[in-house]
């Protein structure tokens, strides 16, 4: 169905353009046989592991904000930050996933979740940007560490490095994450 974009109000126009771009992106990432041509994820480092989050999971990446501790919170909930007038709970992703607590470093970033009604930020050690992986890069033989398994999407290998893919959206909906208080 074709829509005359000139007839739309500004906000409706933005929504229509976004739908068209998503459709074009999806069509461009499929082979002739209908199978995906590539998988794209945001690549980041968490301690000594290289991880990926689906591109649709992340709204934005920000520097480590000033945090206010939350009394009675689990150690992995670092606190809340005021990000452009909205409160954002920030979680040490490594501590939550049993990789040990974060050590302050200049390269640290917060991955802000793209999920309606559930603000969440995940502190990671370094973000290196989006990476595309071809189907032949996928490695079913790579096993997930036990703490990653409930949110595990799979693994890739390229340039001698293992890349582990996790769903941060699933993680943010889990009982473990939601029960941040002692």
C-alpha atoms as a PDB file:
ATOM      1  CA  UNK A   1       0.000   0.000   0.000  1.00  0.00           C
ATOM      2  CA  UNK A   2       1.447   3.332  -1.066  1.00  0.00           C
ATOM      3  CA  UNK A   3       0.871   6.441   1.043  1.00  0.00           C
ATOM      4  CA  UNK A   4       1.192   9.999  -0.221  1.00  0.00           C
ATOM      5  CA  UNK A   5       3.821  11.241   2.225  1.00  0.00           C
ATOM      6  CA  UNK A   6       3.024  14.892   1.449  1.00  0.00           C
ATOM      7  CA  UNK A   7      -0.441  14.497   2.968  1.00  0.00           C
ATOM      8  CA  UNK A   8       0.824  13.423   6.410  1.00  0.00           C
ATOM      9  CA  UNK A   9       1.346  15.509   9.533  1.00  0.00           C
ATOM     10  CA  UNK A  10       5.032  15.800  10.585  1.00  0.00           C
ATOM     11  CA  UNK A  11       4.937  13.052  13.228  1.00  0.00           C
ATOM     12  CA  UNK A  12       2.938  10.710  10.962  1.00  0.00           C
ATOM     13  CA  UNK A  13       5.472  11.428   8.204  1.00  0.00           C
ATOM     14  CA  UNK A  14       8.361  10.372  10.454  1.00  0.00           C
ATOM     15  CA  UNK A  15       6.556   7.149  11.381  1.00  0.00           C
ATOM     16  CA  UNK A  16       5.809   6.361   7.728  1.00  0.00           C
ATOM     17  CA  UNK A  17       9.416   7.004   6.711  1.00  0.00           C
ATOM     18  CA  UNK A  18      10.666   4.769   9.531  1.00  0.00           C
ATOM     19  CA  UNK A  19       8.347   1.937   8.381  1.00  0.00           C
ATOM     20  CA  UNK A  20       9.616   2.306   4.819  1.00  0.00           C
ATOM     21  CA  UNK A  21      13.252   2.262   5.938  1.00  0.00           C
ATOM     22  CA  UNK A  22      12.697  -0.839   8.088  1.00  0.00           C
ATOM     23  CA  UNK A  23      11.035  -2.587   5.166  1.00  0.00           C
ATOM     24  CA  UNK A  24      13.853  -1.646   2.799  1.00  0.00           C
ATOM     25  CA  UNK A  25      16.487  -2.772   5.312  1.00  0.00           C
ATOM     26  CA  UNK A  26      14.751  -6.125   5.853  1.00  0.00           C
ATOM     27  CA  UNK A  27      14.410  -6.690   2.131  1.00  0.00           C
ATOM     28  CA  UNK A  28      18.056  -5.755   1.551  1.00  0.00           C
ATOM     29  CA  UNK A  29      19.304  -8.256   4.119  1.00  0.00           C
ATOM     30  CA  UNK A  30      17.672 -11.317   2.526  1.00  0.00           C
ATOM     31  CA  UNK A  31      19.059 -13.692  -0.075  1.00  0.00           C
ATOM     32  CA  UNK A  32      17.138 -14.746  -3.158  1.00  0.00           C
ATOM     33  CA  UNK A  33      15.975 -17.876  -1.317  1.00  0.00           C
ATOM     34  CA  UNK A  34      14.444 -15.720   1.469  1.00  0.00           C
ATOM     35  CA  UNK A  35      17.058 -16.575   4.093  1.00  0.00           C
ATOM     36  CA  UNK A  36      18.808 -13.718   5.919  1.00  0.00           C
ATOM     37  CA  UNK A  37      21.910 -12.410   4.173  1.00  0.00           C
ATOM     38  CA  UNK A  38      23.453 -10.950   7.318  1.00  0.00           C
ATOM     39  CA  UNK A  39      22.845 -10.371  11.012  1.00  0.00           C
ATOM     40  CA  UNK A  40      23.741  -6.995  12.503  1.00  0.00           C
ATOM     41  CA  UNK A  41      24.466  -6.356  16.145  1.00  0.00           C
ATOM     42  CA  UNK A  42      26.066  -3.742  18.356  1.00  0.00           C
ATOM     43  CA  UNK A  43      29.499  -5.044  19.374  1.00  0.00           C
ATOM     44  CA  UNK A  44      30.853  -4.387  22.846  1.00  0.00           C
ATOM     45  CA  UNK A  45      33.370  -5.726  25.332  1.00  0.00           C
ATOM     46  CA  UNK A  46      32.424  -7.026  28.749  1.00  0.00           C
ATOM     47  CA  UNK A  47      35.550  -7.874  30.739  1.00  0.00           C
ATOM     48  CA  UNK A  48      37.420 -10.356  28.496  1.00  0.00           C
ATOM     49  CA  UNK A  49      34.466 -11.284  26.260  1.00  0.00           C
ATOM     50  CA  UNK A  50      33.256  -9.735  23.011  1.00  0.00           C
ATOM     51  CA  UNK A  51      29.472  -9.578  22.891  1.00  0.00           C
ATOM     52  CA  UNK A  52      26.728  -8.515  20.514  1.00  0.00           C
ATOM     53  CA  UNK A  53      23.258  -7.124  21.118  1.00  0.00           C
ATOM     54  CA  UNK A  54      20.685  -7.071  18.318  1.00  0.00           C
ATOM     55  CA  UNK A  55      20.596  -3.618  16.766  1.00  0.00           C
ATOM     56  CA  UNK A  56      16.898  -3.303  17.618  1.00  0.00           C
ATOM     57  CA  UNK A  57      17.639  -3.795  21.335  1.00  0.00           C
ATOM     58  CA  UNK A  58      19.627  -0.558  21.688  1.00  0.00           C
ATOM     59  CA  UNK A  59      18.154   2.954  21.507  1.00  0.00           C
ATOM     60  CA  UNK A  60      21.433   4.773  22.084  1.00  0.00           C
ATOM     61  CA  UNK A  61      24.898   4.559  23.579  1.00  0.00           C
ATOM     62  CA  UNK A  62      25.909   7.166  26.156  1.00  0.00           C
ATOM     63  CA  UNK A  63      28.936   7.869  28.317  1.00  0.00           C
ATOM     64  CA  UNK A  64      28.848   6.805  31.927  1.00  0.00           C
ATOM     65  CA  UNK A  65      26.472   9.294  33.596  1.00  0.00           C
ATOM     66  CA  UNK A  66      26.572  10.574  37.159  1.00  0.00           C
ATOM     67  CA  UNK A  67      24.614   8.082  39.236  1.00  0.00           C
ATOM     68  CA  UNK A  68      22.565   8.246  42.412  1.00  0.00           C
ATOM     69  CA  UNK A  69      22.661   5.023  44.425  1.00  0.00           C
ATOM     70  CA  UNK A  70      19.403   3.275  45.225  1.00  0.00           C
ATOM     71  CA  UNK A  71      19.166   2.178  48.892  1.00  0.00           C
ATOM     72  CA  UNK A  72      18.609  -1.561  49.290  1.00  0.00           C
ATOM     73  CA  UNK A  73      19.464  -2.337  45.647  1.00  0.00           C
ATOM     74  CA  UNK A  74      21.552  -5.294  44.563  1.00  0.00           C
ATOM     75  CA  UNK A  75      25.221  -4.462  43.922  1.00  0.00           C
ATOM     76  CA  UNK A  76      24.820  -4.770  40.145  1.00  0.00           C
ATOM     77  CA  UNK A  77      22.242  -1.940  40.090  1.00  0.00           C
ATOM     78  CA  UNK A  78      24.700   0.943  40.086  1.00  0.00           C
ATOM     79  CA  UNK A  79      22.043   3.624  40.508  1.00  0.00           C
ATOM     80  CA  UNK A  80      19.798   5.924  38.539  1.00  0.00           C
ATOM     81  CA  UNK A  81      20.819   8.715  36.213  1.00  0.00           C
ATOM     82  CA  UNK A  82      18.969  11.739  34.913  1.00  0.00           C
ATOM     83  CA  UNK A  83      19.235  11.423  31.135  1.00  0.00           C
ATOM     84  CA  UNK A  84      17.557  14.338  29.368  1.00  0.00           C
ATOM     85  CA  UNK A  85      14.982  14.692  32.135  1.00  0.00           C
ATOM     86  CA  UNK A  86      14.133  10.999  32.484  1.00  0.00           C
ATOM     87  CA  UNK A  87      15.339   8.584  35.145  1.00  0.00           C
ATOM     88  CA  UNK A  88      17.439   5.733  33.796  1.00  0.00           C
ATOM     89  CA  UNK A  89      18.391   2.809  36.042  1.00  0.00           C
ATOM     90  CA  UNK A  90      21.955   1.753  35.182  1.00  0.00           C
ATOM     91  CA  UNK A  91      23.057  -1.841  35.686  1.00  0.00           C
ATOM     92  CA  UNK A  92      26.606  -3.209  35.690  1.00  0.00           C
ATOM     93  CA  UNK A  93      25.998  -5.848  33.010  1.00  0.00           C
ATOM     94  CA  UNK A  94      29.163  -7.747  33.945  1.00  0.00           C
ATOM     95  CA  UNK A  95      28.197  -8.021  37.612  1.00  0.00           C
ATOM     96  CA  UNK A  96      24.642  -9.059  36.676  1.00  0.00           C
ATOM     97  CA  UNK A  97      26.043 -11.824  34.431  1.00  0.00           C
ATOM     98  CA  UNK A  98      28.507 -13.088  37.071  1.00  0.00           C
ATOM     99  CA  UNK A  99      31.573 -11.688  35.288  1.00  0.00           C
ATOM    100  CA  UNK A 100      32.664  -9.565  38.258  1.00  0.00           C
ATOM    101  CA  UNK A 101      32.137  -5.879  39.021  1.00  0.00           C
ATOM    102  CA  UNK A 102      33.153  -3.135  36.613  1.00  0.00           C
ATOM    103  CA  UNK A 103      36.345  -1.197  37.154  1.00  0.00           C
ATOM    104  CA  UNK A 104      36.037   2.495  36.241  1.00  0.00           C
ATOM    105  CA  UNK A 105      37.590   3.180  32.848  1.00  0.00           C
ATOM    106  CA  UNK A 106      37.332   5.935  30.281  1.00  0.00           C
ATOM    107  CA  UNK A 107      36.090   3.524  27.583  1.00  0.00           C
ATOM    108  CA  UNK A 108      32.992   2.492  29.544  1.00  0.00           C
ATOM    109  CA  UNK A 109      29.623   3.183  27.945  1.00  0.00           C
ATOM    110  CA  UNK A 110      25.980   2.653  28.806  1.00  0.00           C
ATOM    111  CA  UNK A 111      23.766   0.815  26.326  1.00  0.00           C
ATOM    112  CA  UNK A 112      20.279   2.300  26.629  1.00  0.00           C
ATOM    113  CA  UNK A 113      17.595  -0.271  25.985  1.00  0.00           C
ATOM    114  CA  UNK A 114      15.024   0.272  23.242  1.00  0.00           C
ATOM    115  CA  UNK A 115      11.892  -0.991  24.975  1.00  0.00           C
ATOM    116  CA  UNK A 116       8.600   0.731  25.648  1.00  0.00           C
ATOM    117  CA  UNK A 117       7.822   1.363  29.276  1.00  0.00           C
ATOM    118  CA  UNK A 118      11.015  -0.179  30.634  1.00  0.00           C
ATOM    119  CA  UNK A 119      13.923   2.235  30.914  1.00  0.00           C
ATOM    120  CA  UNK A 120      17.208   0.400  31.394  1.00  0.00           C
ATOM    121  CA  UNK A 121      20.870   1.144  30.867  1.00  0.00           C
ATOM    122  CA  UNK A 122      23.621  -1.474  30.840  1.00  0.00           C
ATOM    123  CA  UNK A 123      27.178  -0.446  31.696  1.00  0.00           C
ATOM    124  CA  UNK A 124      29.751  -2.196  29.481  1.00  0.00           C
ATOM    125  CA  UNK A 125      33.526  -1.857  29.285  1.00  0.00           C
ATOM    126  CA  UNK A 126      33.779  -0.670  25.676  1.00  0.00           C
ATOM    127  CA  UNK A 127      31.578  -0.258  22.593  1.00  0.00           C
ATOM    128  CA  UNK A 128      33.107  -0.740  19.172  1.00  0.00           C
ATOM    129  CA  UNK A 129      30.065  -0.191  16.956  1.00  0.00           C
ATOM    130  CA  UNK A 130      27.804  -2.213  14.712  1.00  0.00           C
ATOM    131  CA  UNK A 131      29.077  -5.405  13.081  1.00  0.00           C
ATOM    132  CA  UNK A 132      27.488  -7.485  10.337  1.00  0.00           C
ATOM    133  CA  UNK A 133      27.888 -11.243  10.301  1.00  0.00           C
ATOM    134  CA  UNK A 134      27.197 -13.560   7.381  1.00  0.00           C
ATOM    135  CA  UNK A 135      25.475 -16.924   7.942  1.00  0.00           C
ATOM    136  CA  UNK A 136      28.821 -18.695   7.487  1.00  0.00           C
ATOM    137  CA  UNK A 137      30.196 -16.733  10.497  1.00  0.00           C
ATOM    138  CA  UNK A 138      27.681 -18.416  12.811  1.00  0.00           C
ATOM    139  CA  UNK A 139      29.135 -21.015  15.203  1.00  0.00           C
ATOM    140  CA  UNK A 140      26.587 -23.312  16.901  1.00  0.00           C
ATOM    141  CA  UNK A 141      29.528 -25.170  18.467  1.00  0.00           C
ATOM    142  CA  UNK A 142      30.383 -22.218  20.739  1.00  0.00           C
ATOM    143  CA  UNK A 143      28.675 -22.762  24.087  1.00  0.00           C
ATOM    144  CA  UNK A 144      27.170 -20.032  26.210  1.00  0.00           C
ATOM    145  CA  UNK A 145      28.569 -19.507  29.702  1.00  0.00           C
ATOM    146  CA  UNK A 146      25.940 -20.701  32.230  1.00  0.00           C
ATOM    147  CA  UNK A 147      25.050 -17.153  33.374  1.00  0.00           C
ATOM    148  CA  UNK A 148      24.368 -16.136  29.728  1.00  0.00           C
ATOM    149  CA  UNK A 149      22.169 -19.077  28.722  1.00  0.00           C
ATOM    150  CA  UNK A 150      18.704 -17.613  29.478  1.00  0.00           C
ATOM    151  CA  UNK A 151      19.469 -14.653  27.153  1.00  0.00           C
ATOM    152  CA  UNK A 152      21.680 -16.464  24.662  1.00  0.00           C
ATOM    153  CA  UNK A 153      20.978 -15.913  20.959  1.00  0.00           C
ATOM    154  CA  UNK A 154      23.986 -17.639  19.451  1.00  0.00           C
ATOM    155  CA  UNK A 155      27.596 -17.050  18.526  1.00  0.00           C
ATOM    156  CA  UNK A 156      29.716 -15.950  15.597  1.00  0.00           C
ATOM    157  CA  UNK A 157      33.381 -16.199  14.824  1.00  0.00           C
ATOM    158  CA  UNK A 158      35.318 -13.838  12.617  1.00  0.00           C
ATOM    159  CA  UNK A 159      38.954 -12.747  12.434  1.00  0.00           C
ATOM    160  CA  UNK A 160      39.882 -15.287  15.114  1.00  0.00           C
ATOM    161  CA  UNK A 161      37.513 -13.795  17.680  1.00  0.00           C
ATOM    162  CA  UNK A 162      34.373 -15.317  19.204  1.00  0.00           C
ATOM    163  CA  UNK A 163      31.332 -13.017  19.358  1.00  0.00           C
ATOM    164  CA  UNK A 164      28.543 -13.984  21.744  1.00  0.00           C
ATOM    165  CA  UNK A 165      25.057 -12.617  21.014  1.00  0.00           C
ATOM    166  CA  UNK A 166      22.653 -11.813  23.880  1.00  0.00           C
ATOM    167  CA  UNK A 167      19.140 -10.415  24.012  1.00  0.00           C
ATOM    168  CA  UNK A 168      19.179  -7.445  26.370  1.00  0.00           C
ATOM    169  CA  UNK A 169      15.408  -7.132  25.951  1.00  0.00           C
ATOM    170  CA  UNK A 170      14.920 -10.644  27.333  1.00  0.00           C
ATOM    171  CA  UNK A 171      17.347  -9.891  30.127  1.00  0.00           C
ATOM    172  CA  UNK A 172      15.453  -6.733  31.095  1.00  0.00           C
ATOM    173  CA  UNK A 173      12.193  -8.697  31.323  1.00  0.00           C
ATOM    174  CA  UNK A 174      13.686 -11.484  33.464  1.00  0.00           C
ATOM    175  CA  UNK A 175      12.821 -12.004  37.127  1.00  0.00           C
ATOM    176  CA  UNK A 176      16.469 -11.594  38.090  1.00  0.00           C
ATOM    177  CA  UNK A 177      16.636  -8.131  36.528  1.00  0.00           C
ATOM    178  CA  UNK A 178      13.231  -6.949  37.715  1.00  0.00           C
ATOM    179  CA  UNK A 179      13.987  -7.946  41.326  1.00  0.00           C
ATOM    180  CA  UNK A 180      16.814  -5.461  41.825  1.00  0.00           C
ATOM    181  CA  UNK A 181      16.077  -4.974  45.533  1.00  0.00           C
ATOM    182  CA  UNK A 182      17.391  -7.151  48.332  1.00  0.00           C
END
